Amino acid sequence: MDSKKQARSENPAARYKRPRKKVCNFCVDKLEIDYKDVNRLSKYISERGKILPRRMSGVCAKHQRELTREIKRARQIALLPFSKD
């Protein structure tokens, strides 16, 4: 019984792997965010039509603000739907 406890608590850090830090694609590739680029913008929208948060999309704060602004522009001129039903 004692050996089972030792085996389990031997290396607790091995059980909890930290997820790899996401890198902002716009910073790395030096891309401009444009409301007319619907294919790129649709990658940052959930299947329900909501804008993905930073922790899921992996973009930096600056580009998340730009991305949100451009998605909203594309929705206003009907390039992107407000909701995907």
PDB file of N, CA and C in Angstrom:
ATOM      1  N   MET A   1       0.822  -1.184   0.000  1.00  0.00           N
ATOM      2  CA  MET A   1       0.000   0.000   0.000  1.00  0.00           C
ATOM      3  C   MET A   1       0.869   1.251   0.000  1.00  0.00           C
ATOM      4  N   ASP A   2       1.962   1.185   0.743  1.00  0.00           N
ATOM      5  CA  ASP A   2       2.847   2.330   0.842  1.00  0.00           C
ATOM      6  C   ASP A   2       3.564   2.591  -0.488  1.00  0.00           C
ATOM      7  N   SER A   3       3.878   1.528  -1.228  1.00  0.00           N
ATOM      8  CA  SER A   3       4.578   1.697  -2.501  1.00  0.00           C
ATOM      9  C   SER A   3       3.693   2.366  -3.552  1.00  0.00           C
ATOM     10  N   LYS A   4       2.370   2.171  -3.478  1.00  0.00           N
ATOM     11  CA  LYS A   4       1.461   2.821  -4.423  1.00  0.00           C
ATOM     12  C   LYS A   4       1.446   4.331  -4.220  1.00  0.00           C
ATOM     13  N   LYS A   5       1.481   4.752  -2.965  1.00  0.00           N
ATOM     14  CA  LYS A   5       1.487   6.185  -2.675  1.00  0.00           C
ATOM     15  C   LYS A   5       2.769   6.830  -3.174  1.00  0.00           C
ATOM     16  N   GLN A   6       3.884   6.133  -3.010  1.00  0.00           N
ATOM     17  CA  GLN A   6       5.154   6.676  -3.468  1.00  0.00           C
ATOM     18  C   GLN A   6       5.182   6.783  -4.985  1.00  0.00           C
ATOM     19  N   ALA A   7       4.651   5.801  -5.661  1.00  0.00           N
ATOM     20  CA  ALA A   7       4.664   5.819  -7.123  1.00  0.00           C
ATOM     21  C   ALA A   7       3.815   6.969  -7.659  1.00  0.00           C
ATOM     22  N   ARG A   8       2.709   7.249  -6.989  1.00  0.00           N
ATOM     23  CA  ARG A   8       1.824   8.312  -7.434  1.00  0.00           C
ATOM     24  C   ARG A   8       2.410   9.697  -7.170  1.00  0.00           C
ATOM     25  N   SER A   9       3.024   9.863  -6.020  1.00  0.00           N
ATOM     26  CA  SER A   9       3.523  11.182  -5.645  1.00  0.00           C
ATOM     27  C   SER A   9       4.995  11.380  -6.004  1.00  0.00           C
ATOM     28  N   GLU A  10       5.544  10.463  -6.763  1.00  0.00           N
ATOM     29  CA  GLU A  10       6.952  10.538  -7.099  1.00  0.00           C
ATOM     30  C   GLU A  10       7.281  11.784  -7.924  1.00  0.00           C
ATOM     31  N   ASN A  11       6.514  12.031  -8.977  1.00  0.00           N
ATOM     32  CA  ASN A  11       6.765  13.187  -9.827  1.00  0.00           C
ATOM     33  C   ASN A  11       5.429  13.848 -10.174  1.00  0.00           C
ATOM     34  N   PRO A  12       4.921  14.701  -9.300  1.00  0.00           N
ATOM     35  CA  PRO A  12       3.609  15.302  -9.571  1.00  0.00           C
ATOM     36  C   PRO A  12       3.630  16.279 -10.745  1.00  0.00           C
ATOM     37  N   ALA A  13       4.777  16.832 -11.060  1.00  0.00           N
ATOM     38  CA  ALA A  13       4.857  17.786 -12.167  1.00  0.00           C
ATOM     39  C   ALA A  13       4.662  17.098 -13.513  1.00  0.00           C
ATOM     40  N   ALA A  14       4.953  15.815 -13.585  1.00  0.00           N
ATOM     41  CA  ALA A  14       4.811  15.085 -14.841  1.00  0.00           C
ATOM     42  C   ALA A  14       3.345  14.914 -15.222  1.00  0.00           C
ATOM     43  N   ARG A  15       2.458  14.910 -14.235  1.00  0.00           N
ATOM     44  CA  ARG A  15       1.036  14.743 -14.530  1.00  0.00           C
ATOM     45  C   ARG A  15       0.423  16.001 -15.132  1.00  0.00           C
ATOM     46  N   TYR A  16       0.909  17.149 -14.730  1.00  0.00           N
ATOM     47  CA  TYR A  16       0.322  18.416 -15.163  1.00  0.00           C
ATOM     48  C   TYR A  16       1.240  19.093 -16.166  1.00  0.00           C
ATOM     49  N   LYS A  17       0.999  18.819 -17.422  1.00  0.00           N
ATOM     50  CA  LYS A  17       1.799  19.458 -18.453  1.00  0.00           C
ATOM     51  C   LYS A  17       1.210  20.821 -18.751  1.00  0.00           C
ATOM     52  N   ARG A  18       2.048  21.781 -18.805  1.00  0.00           N
ATOM     53  CA  ARG A  18       1.616  23.137 -19.088  1.00  0.00           C
ATOM     54  C   ARG A  18       1.400  23.283 -20.589  1.00  0.00           C
ATOM     55  N   PRO A  19       0.283  23.865 -20.997  1.00  0.00           N
ATOM     56  CA  PRO A  19       0.074  24.021 -22.434  1.00  0.00           C
ATOM     57  C   PRO A  19       1.084  24.995 -23.031  1.00  0.00           C
ATOM     58  N   ARG A  20       1.410  24.758 -24.268  1.00  0.00           N
ATOM     59  CA  ARG A  20       2.390  25.582 -24.951  1.00  0.00           C
ATOM     60  C   ARG A  20       1.829  26.979 -25.185  1.00  0.00           C
ATOM     61  N   LYS A  21       2.642  27.998 -24.985  1.00  0.00           N
ATOM     62  CA  LYS A  21       2.194  29.371 -25.154  1.00  0.00           C
ATOM     63  C   LYS A  21       1.930  29.643 -26.625  1.00  0.00           C
ATOM     64  N   LYS A  22       0.770  30.234 -26.892  1.00  0.00           N
ATOM     65  CA  LYS A  22       0.400  30.545 -28.264  1.00  0.00           C
ATOM     66  C   LYS A  22       1.095  31.826 -28.699  1.00  0.00           C
ATOM     67  N   VAL A  23       1.452  31.879 -29.955  1.00  0.00           N
ATOM     68  CA  VAL A  23       2.146  33.033 -30.503  1.00  0.00           C
ATOM     69  C   VAL A  23       1.204  33.748 -31.457  1.00  0.00           C
ATOM     70  N   CYS A  24       1.215  35.059 -31.404  1.00  0.00           N
ATOM     71  CA  CYS A  24       0.343  35.862 -32.259  1.00  0.00           C
ATOM     72  C   CYS A  24       0.772  35.707 -33.719  1.00  0.00           C
ATOM     73  N   ASN A  25      -0.122  35.196 -34.552  1.00  0.00           N
ATOM     74  CA  ASN A  25       0.183  34.998 -35.972  1.00  0.00           C
ATOM     75  C   ASN A  25       0.384  36.320 -36.697  1.00  0.00           C
ATOM     76  N   PHE A  26      -0.312  37.341 -36.265  1.00  0.00           N
ATOM     77  CA  PHE A  26      -0.204  38.640 -36.923  1.00  0.00           C
ATOM     78  C   PHE A  26       1.143  39.291 -36.633  1.00  0.00           C
ATOM     79  N   CYS A  27       1.681  39.094 -35.436  1.00  0.00           N
ATOM     80  CA  CYS A  27       2.997  39.645 -35.095  1.00  0.00           C
ATOM     81  C   CYS A  27       4.111  38.883 -35.810  1.00  0.00           C
ATOM     82  N   VAL A  28       4.007  37.574 -35.825  1.00  0.00           N
ATOM     83  CA  VAL A  28       5.061  36.748 -36.416  1.00  0.00           C
ATOM     84  C   VAL A  28       5.166  36.980 -37.921  1.00  0.00           C
ATOM     85  N   ASP A  29       4.037  36.964 -38.606  1.00  0.00           N
ATOM     86  CA  ASP A  29       4.039  37.103 -40.064  1.00  0.00           C
ATOM     87  C   ASP A  29       3.915  38.543 -40.527  1.00  0.00           C
ATOM     88  N   LYS A  30       3.776  39.488 -39.581  1.00  0.00           N
ATOM     89  CA  LYS A  30       3.603  40.912 -39.881  1.00  0.00           C
ATOM     90  C   LYS A  30       2.435  41.133 -40.844  1.00  0.00           C
ATOM     91  N   LEU A  31       1.294  40.526 -40.499  1.00  0.00           N
ATOM     92  CA  LEU A  31       0.098  40.617 -41.329  1.00  0.00           C
ATOM     93  C   LEU A  31      -0.759  41.806 -40.921  1.00  0.00           C
ATOM     94  N   GLU A  32      -1.418  42.386 -41.879  1.00  0.00           N
ATOM     95  CA  GLU A  32      -2.388  43.446 -41.627  1.00  0.00           C
ATOM     96  C   GLU A  32      -3.766  42.806 -41.531  1.00  0.00           C
ATOM     97  N   ILE A  33      -4.558  43.252 -40.579  1.00  0.00           N
ATOM     98  CA  ILE A  33      -5.915  42.746 -40.424  1.00  0.00           C
ATOM     99  C   ILE A  33      -6.829  43.630 -41.251  1.00  0.00           C
ATOM    100  N   ASP A  34      -7.580  43.013 -42.164  1.00  0.00           N
ATOM    101  CA  ASP A  34      -8.460  43.767 -43.048  1.00  0.00           C
ATOM    102  C   ASP A  34      -9.858  43.171 -42.995  1.00  0.00           C
ATOM    103  N   TYR A  35     -10.864  44.019 -42.956  1.00  0.00           N
ATOM    104  CA  TYR A  35     -12.246  43.547 -42.860  1.00  0.00           C
ATOM    105  C   TYR A  35     -12.694  42.815 -44.116  1.00  0.00           C
ATOM    106  N   LYS A  36     -11.994  43.013 -45.222  1.00  0.00           N
ATOM    107  CA  LYS A  36     -12.374  42.360 -46.479  1.00  0.00           C
ATOM    108  C   LYS A  36     -11.844  40.930 -46.578  1.00  0.00           C
ATOM    109  N   ASP A  37     -10.904  40.572 -45.720  1.00  0.00           N
ATOM    110  CA  ASP A  37     -10.327  39.228 -45.724  1.00  0.00           C
ATOM    111  C   ASP A  37     -11.188  38.308 -44.853  1.00  0.00           C
ATOM    112  N   VAL A  38     -12.290  37.851 -45.416  1.00  0.00           N
ATOM    113  CA  VAL A  38     -13.295  37.087 -44.671  1.00  0.00           C
ATOM    114  C   VAL A  38     -12.754  35.728 -44.235  1.00  0.00           C
ATOM    115  N   ASN A  39     -11.937  35.097 -45.047  1.00  0.00           N
ATOM    116  CA  ASN A  39     -11.397  33.776 -44.690  1.00  0.00           C
ATOM    117  C   ASN A  39     -10.548  33.845 -43.427  1.00  0.00           C
ATOM    118  N   ARG A  40      -9.711  34.848 -43.324  1.00  0.00           N
ATOM    119  CA  ARG A  40      -8.870  34.982 -42.134  1.00  0.00           C
ATOM    120  C   ARG A  40      -9.708  35.359 -40.919  1.00  0.00           C
ATOM    121  N   LEU A  41     -10.668  36.255 -41.085  1.00  0.00           N
ATOM    122  CA  LEU A  41     -11.495  36.685 -39.957  1.00  0.00           C
ATOM    123  C   LEU A  41     -12.367  35.553 -39.431  1.00  0.00           C
ATOM    124  N   SER A  42     -12.825  34.689 -40.317  1.00  0.00           N
ATOM    125  CA  SER A  42     -13.720  33.610 -39.882  1.00  0.00           C
ATOM    126  C   SER A  42     -13.003  32.580 -39.006  1.00  0.00           C
ATOM    127  N   LYS A  43     -11.675  32.542 -39.031  1.00  0.00           N
ATOM    128  CA  LYS A  43     -10.921  31.644 -38.146  1.00  0.00           C
ATOM    129  C   LYS A  43     -11.017  32.077 -36.691  1.00  0.00           C
ATOM    130  N   TYR A  44     -11.324  33.340 -36.468  1.00  0.00           N
ATOM    131  CA  TYR A  44     -11.379  33.891 -35.116  1.00  0.00           C
ATOM    132  C   TYR A  44     -12.810  34.084 -34.633  1.00  0.00           C
ATOM    133  N   ILE A  45     -13.746  33.375 -35.261  1.00  0.00           N
ATOM    134  CA  ILE A  45     -15.145  33.407 -34.860  1.00  0.00           C
ATOM    135  C   ILE A  45     -15.561  31.982 -34.519  1.00  0.00           C
ATOM    136  N   SER A  46     -16.289  31.815 -33.418  1.00  0.00           N
ATOM    137  CA  SER A  46     -16.739  30.487 -33.006  1.00  0.00           C
ATOM    138  C   SER A  46     -17.850  29.996 -33.931  1.00  0.00           C
ATOM    139  N   GLU A  47     -18.238  28.738 -33.758  1.00  0.00           N
ATOM    140  CA  GLU A  47     -19.312  28.186 -34.586  1.00  0.00           C
ATOM    141  C   GLU A  47     -20.657  28.828 -34.268  1.00  0.00           C
ATOM    142  N   ARG A  48     -20.762  29.497 -33.131  1.00  0.00           N
ATOM    143  CA  ARG A  48     -21.984  30.224 -32.776  1.00  0.00           C
ATOM    144  C   ARG A  48     -21.972  31.655 -33.304  1.00  0.00           C
ATOM    145  N   GLY A  49     -20.845  32.087 -33.862  1.00  0.00           N
ATOM    146  CA  GLY A  49     -20.754  33.429 -34.415  1.00  0.00           C
ATOM    147  C   GLY A  49     -20.132  34.442 -33.478  1.00  0.00           C
ATOM    148  N   LYS A  50     -19.593  33.992 -32.354  1.00  0.00           N
ATOM    149  CA  LYS A  50     -18.990  34.910 -31.389  1.00  0.00           C
ATOM    150  C   LYS A  50     -17.495  35.051 -31.660  1.00  0.00           C
ATOM    151  N   ILE A  51     -16.953  36.197 -31.301  1.00  0.00           N
ATOM    152  CA  ILE A  51     -15.527  36.442 -31.463  1.00  0.00           C
ATOM    153  C   ILE A  51     -14.779  35.665 -30.384  1.00  0.00           C
ATOM    154  N   LEU A  52     -13.757  34.923 -30.803  1.00  0.00           N
ATOM    155  CA  LEU A  52     -12.991  34.117 -29.856  1.00  0.00           C
ATOM    156  C   LEU A  52     -12.148  35.006 -28.949  1.00  0.00           C
ATOM    157  N   PRO A  53     -12.023  34.652 -27.669  1.00  0.00           N
ATOM    158  CA  PRO A  53     -11.175  35.431 -26.762  1.00  0.00           C
ATOM    159  C   PRO A  53      -9.693  35.172 -27.032  1.00  0.00           C
ATOM    160  N   ARG A  54      -8.864  36.016 -26.461  1.00  0.00           N
ATOM    161  CA  ARG A  54      -7.418  35.919 -26.668  1.00  0.00           C
ATOM    162  C   ARG A  54      -6.851  34.587 -26.245  1.00  0.00           C
ATOM    163  N   ARG A  55      -7.324  34.043 -25.145  1.00  0.00           N
ATOM    164  CA  ARG A  55      -6.744  32.790 -24.644  1.00  0.00           C
ATOM    165  C   ARG A  55      -7.015  31.622 -25.580  1.00  0.00           C
ATOM    166  N   MET A  56      -8.040  31.741 -26.418  1.00  0.00           N
ATOM    167  CA  MET A  56      -8.336  30.679 -27.382  1.00  0.00           C
ATOM    168  C   MET A  56      -7.705  30.957 -28.741  1.00  0.00           C
ATOM    169  N   SER A  57      -7.709  32.201 -29.163  1.00  0.00           N
ATOM    170  CA  SER A  57      -7.187  32.531 -30.486  1.00  0.00           C
ATOM    171  C   SER A  57      -5.670  32.643 -30.492  1.00  0.00           C
ATOM    172  N   GLY A  58      -5.083  33.068 -29.369  1.00  0.00           N
ATOM    173  CA  GLY A  58      -3.632  33.155 -29.277  1.00  0.00           C
ATOM    174  C   GLY A  58      -3.044  34.443 -29.810  1.00  0.00           C
ATOM    175  N   VAL A  59      -3.853  35.451 -30.089  1.00  0.00           N
ATOM    176  CA  VAL A  59      -3.320  36.720 -30.584  1.00  0.00           C
ATOM    177  C   VAL A  59      -2.996  37.639 -29.412  1.00  0.00           C
ATOM    178  N   CYS A  60      -2.134  38.621 -29.657  1.00  0.00           N
ATOM    179  CA  CYS A  60      -1.766  39.566 -28.602  1.00  0.00           C
ATOM    180  C   CYS A  60      -2.895  40.575 -28.396  1.00  0.00           C
ATOM    181  N   ALA A  61      -2.789  41.384 -27.353  1.00  0.00           N
ATOM    182  CA  ALA A  61      -3.849  42.326 -26.992  1.00  0.00           C
ATOM    183  C   ALA A  61      -4.086  43.361 -28.090  1.00  0.00           C
ATOM    184  N   LYS A  62      -3.022  43.854 -28.670  1.00  0.00           N
ATOM    185  CA  LYS A  62      -3.135  44.862 -29.729  1.00  0.00           C
ATOM    186  C   LYS A  62      -3.909  44.307 -30.917  1.00  0.00           C
ATOM    187  N   HIS A  63      -3.535  43.119 -31.352  1.00  0.00           N
ATOM    188  CA  HIS A  63      -4.191  42.539 -32.517  1.00  0.00           C
ATOM    189  C   HIS A  63      -5.589  42.023 -32.196  1.00  0.00           C
ATOM    190  N   GLN A  64      -5.847  41.671 -30.941  1.00  0.00           N
ATOM    191  CA  GLN A  64      -7.207  41.280 -30.565  1.00  0.00           C
ATOM    192  C   GLN A  64      -8.156  42.468 -30.707  1.00  0.00           C
ATOM    193  N   ARG A  65      -7.708  43.651 -30.309  1.00  0.00           N
ATOM    194  CA  ARG A  65      -8.535  44.855 -30.472  1.00  0.00           C
ATOM    195  C   ARG A  65      -8.792  45.143 -31.942  1.00  0.00           C
ATOM    196  N   GLU A  66      -7.736  45.054 -32.766  1.00  0.00           N
ATOM    197  CA  GLU A  66      -7.893  45.284 -34.203  1.00  0.00           C
ATOM    198  C   GLU A  66      -8.805  44.233 -34.826  1.00  0.00           C
ATOM    199  N   LEU A  67      -8.613  42.999 -34.433  1.00  0.00           N
ATOM    200  CA  LEU A  67      -9.407  41.891 -34.955  1.00  0.00           C
ATOM    201  C   LEU A  67     -10.884  42.086 -34.638  1.00  0.00           C
ATOM    202  N   THR A  68     -11.180  42.479 -33.411  1.00  0.00           N
ATOM    203  CA  THR A  68     -12.563  42.729 -33.002  1.00  0.00           C
ATOM    204  C   THR A  68     -13.175  43.850 -33.826  1.00  0.00           C
ATOM    205  N   ARG A  69     -12.422  44.920 -34.007  1.00  0.00           N
ATOM    206  CA  ARG A  69     -12.917  46.059 -34.789  1.00  0.00           C
ATOM    207  C   ARG A  69     -13.215  45.652 -36.235  1.00  0.00           C
ATOM    208  N   GLU A  70     -12.311  44.884 -36.840  1.00  0.00           N
ATOM    209  CA  GLU A  70     -12.487  44.493 -38.241  1.00  0.00           C
ATOM    210  C   GLU A  70     -13.613  43.473 -38.406  1.00  0.00           C
ATOM    211  N   ILE A  71     -13.793  42.586 -37.446  1.00  0.00           N
ATOM    212  CA  ILE A  71     -14.909  41.633 -37.512  1.00  0.00           C
ATOM    213  C   ILE A  71     -16.228  42.382 -37.438  1.00  0.00           C
ATOM    214  N   LYS A  72     -16.298  43.375 -36.555  1.00  0.00           N
ATOM    215  CA  LYS A  72     -17.523  44.165 -36.435  1.00  0.00           C
ATOM    216  C   LYS A  72     -17.797  44.962 -37.699  1.00  0.00           C
ATOM    217  N   ARG A  73     -16.755  45.474 -38.344  1.00  0.00           N
ATOM    218  CA  ARG A  73     -16.926  46.176 -39.623  1.00  0.00           C
ATOM    219  C   ARG A  73     -17.455  45.228 -40.695  1.00  0.00           C
ATOM    220  N   ALA A  74     -16.870  44.041 -40.757  1.00  0.00           N
ATOM    221  CA  ALA A  74     -17.296  43.061 -41.760  1.00  0.00           C
ATOM    222  C   ALA A  74     -18.739  42.628 -41.528  1.00  0.00           C
ATOM    223  N   ARG A  75     -19.161  42.569 -40.287  1.00  0.00           N
ATOM    224  CA  ARG A  75     -20.556  42.231 -39.990  1.00  0.00           C
ATOM    225  C   ARG A  75     -21.496  43.336 -40.440  1.00  0.00           C
ATOM    226  N   GLN A  76     -21.089  44.577 -40.256  1.00  0.00           N
ATOM    227  CA  GLN A  76     -21.949  45.707 -40.608  1.00  0.00           C
ATOM    228  C   GLN A  76     -22.228  45.775 -42.110  1.00  0.00           C
ATOM    229  N   ILE A  77     -21.253  45.406 -42.917  1.00  0.00           N
ATOM    230  CA  ILE A  77     -21.474  45.449 -44.367  1.00  0.00           C
ATOM    231  C   ILE A  77     -21.803  44.064 -44.938  1.00  0.00           C
ATOM    232  N   ALA A  78     -22.203  43.155 -44.059  1.00  0.00           N
ATOM    233  CA  ALA A  78     -22.730  41.830 -44.412  1.00  0.00           C
ATOM    234  C   ALA A  78     -21.714  40.908 -45.085  1.00  0.00           C
ATOM    235  N   LEU A  79     -20.438  41.064 -44.774  1.00  0.00           N
ATOM    236  CA  LEU A  79     -19.448  40.093 -45.240  1.00  0.00           C
ATOM    237  C   LEU A  79     -19.392  38.887 -44.308  1.00  0.00           C
ATOM    238  N   LEU A  80     -19.687  39.124 -43.030  1.00  0.00           N
ATOM    239  CA  LEU A  80     -19.754  38.057 -42.031  1.00  0.00           C
ATOM    240  C   LEU A  80     -21.127  38.082 -41.379  1.00  0.00           C
ATOM    241  N   PRO A  81     -21.648  36.917 -41.015  1.00  0.00           N
ATOM    242  CA  PRO A  81     -22.946  36.904 -40.327  1.00  0.00           C
ATOM    243  C   PRO A  81     -22.792  37.287 -38.856  1.00  0.00           C
ATOM    244  N   PHE A  82     -23.859  37.841 -38.292  1.00  0.00           N
ATOM    245  CA  PHE A  82     -23.862  38.154 -36.867  1.00  0.00           C
ATOM    246  C   PHE A  82     -23.953  36.876 -36.046  1.00  0.00           C
ATOM    247  N   SER A  83     -24.684  35.896 -36.540  1.00  0.00           N
ATOM    248  CA  SER A  83     -24.766  34.599 -35.873  1.00  0.00           C
ATOM    249  C   SER A  83     -24.827  33.517 -36.932  1.00  0.00           C
ATOM    250  N   LYS A  84     -24.239  32.386 -36.619  1.00  0.00           N
ATOM    251  CA  LYS A  84     -24.248  31.269 -37.568  1.00  0.00           C
ATOM    252  C   LYS A  84     -25.328  30.288 -37.153  1.00  0.00           C
ATOM    253  N   ASP A  85     -26.434  30.316 -37.813  1.00  0.00           N
ATOM    254  CA  ASP A  85     -27.543  29.400 -37.507  1.00  0.00           C
ATOM    255  C   ASP A  85     -27.738  28.388 -38.596  1.00  0.00           C
TER     256      ASP A  85
END
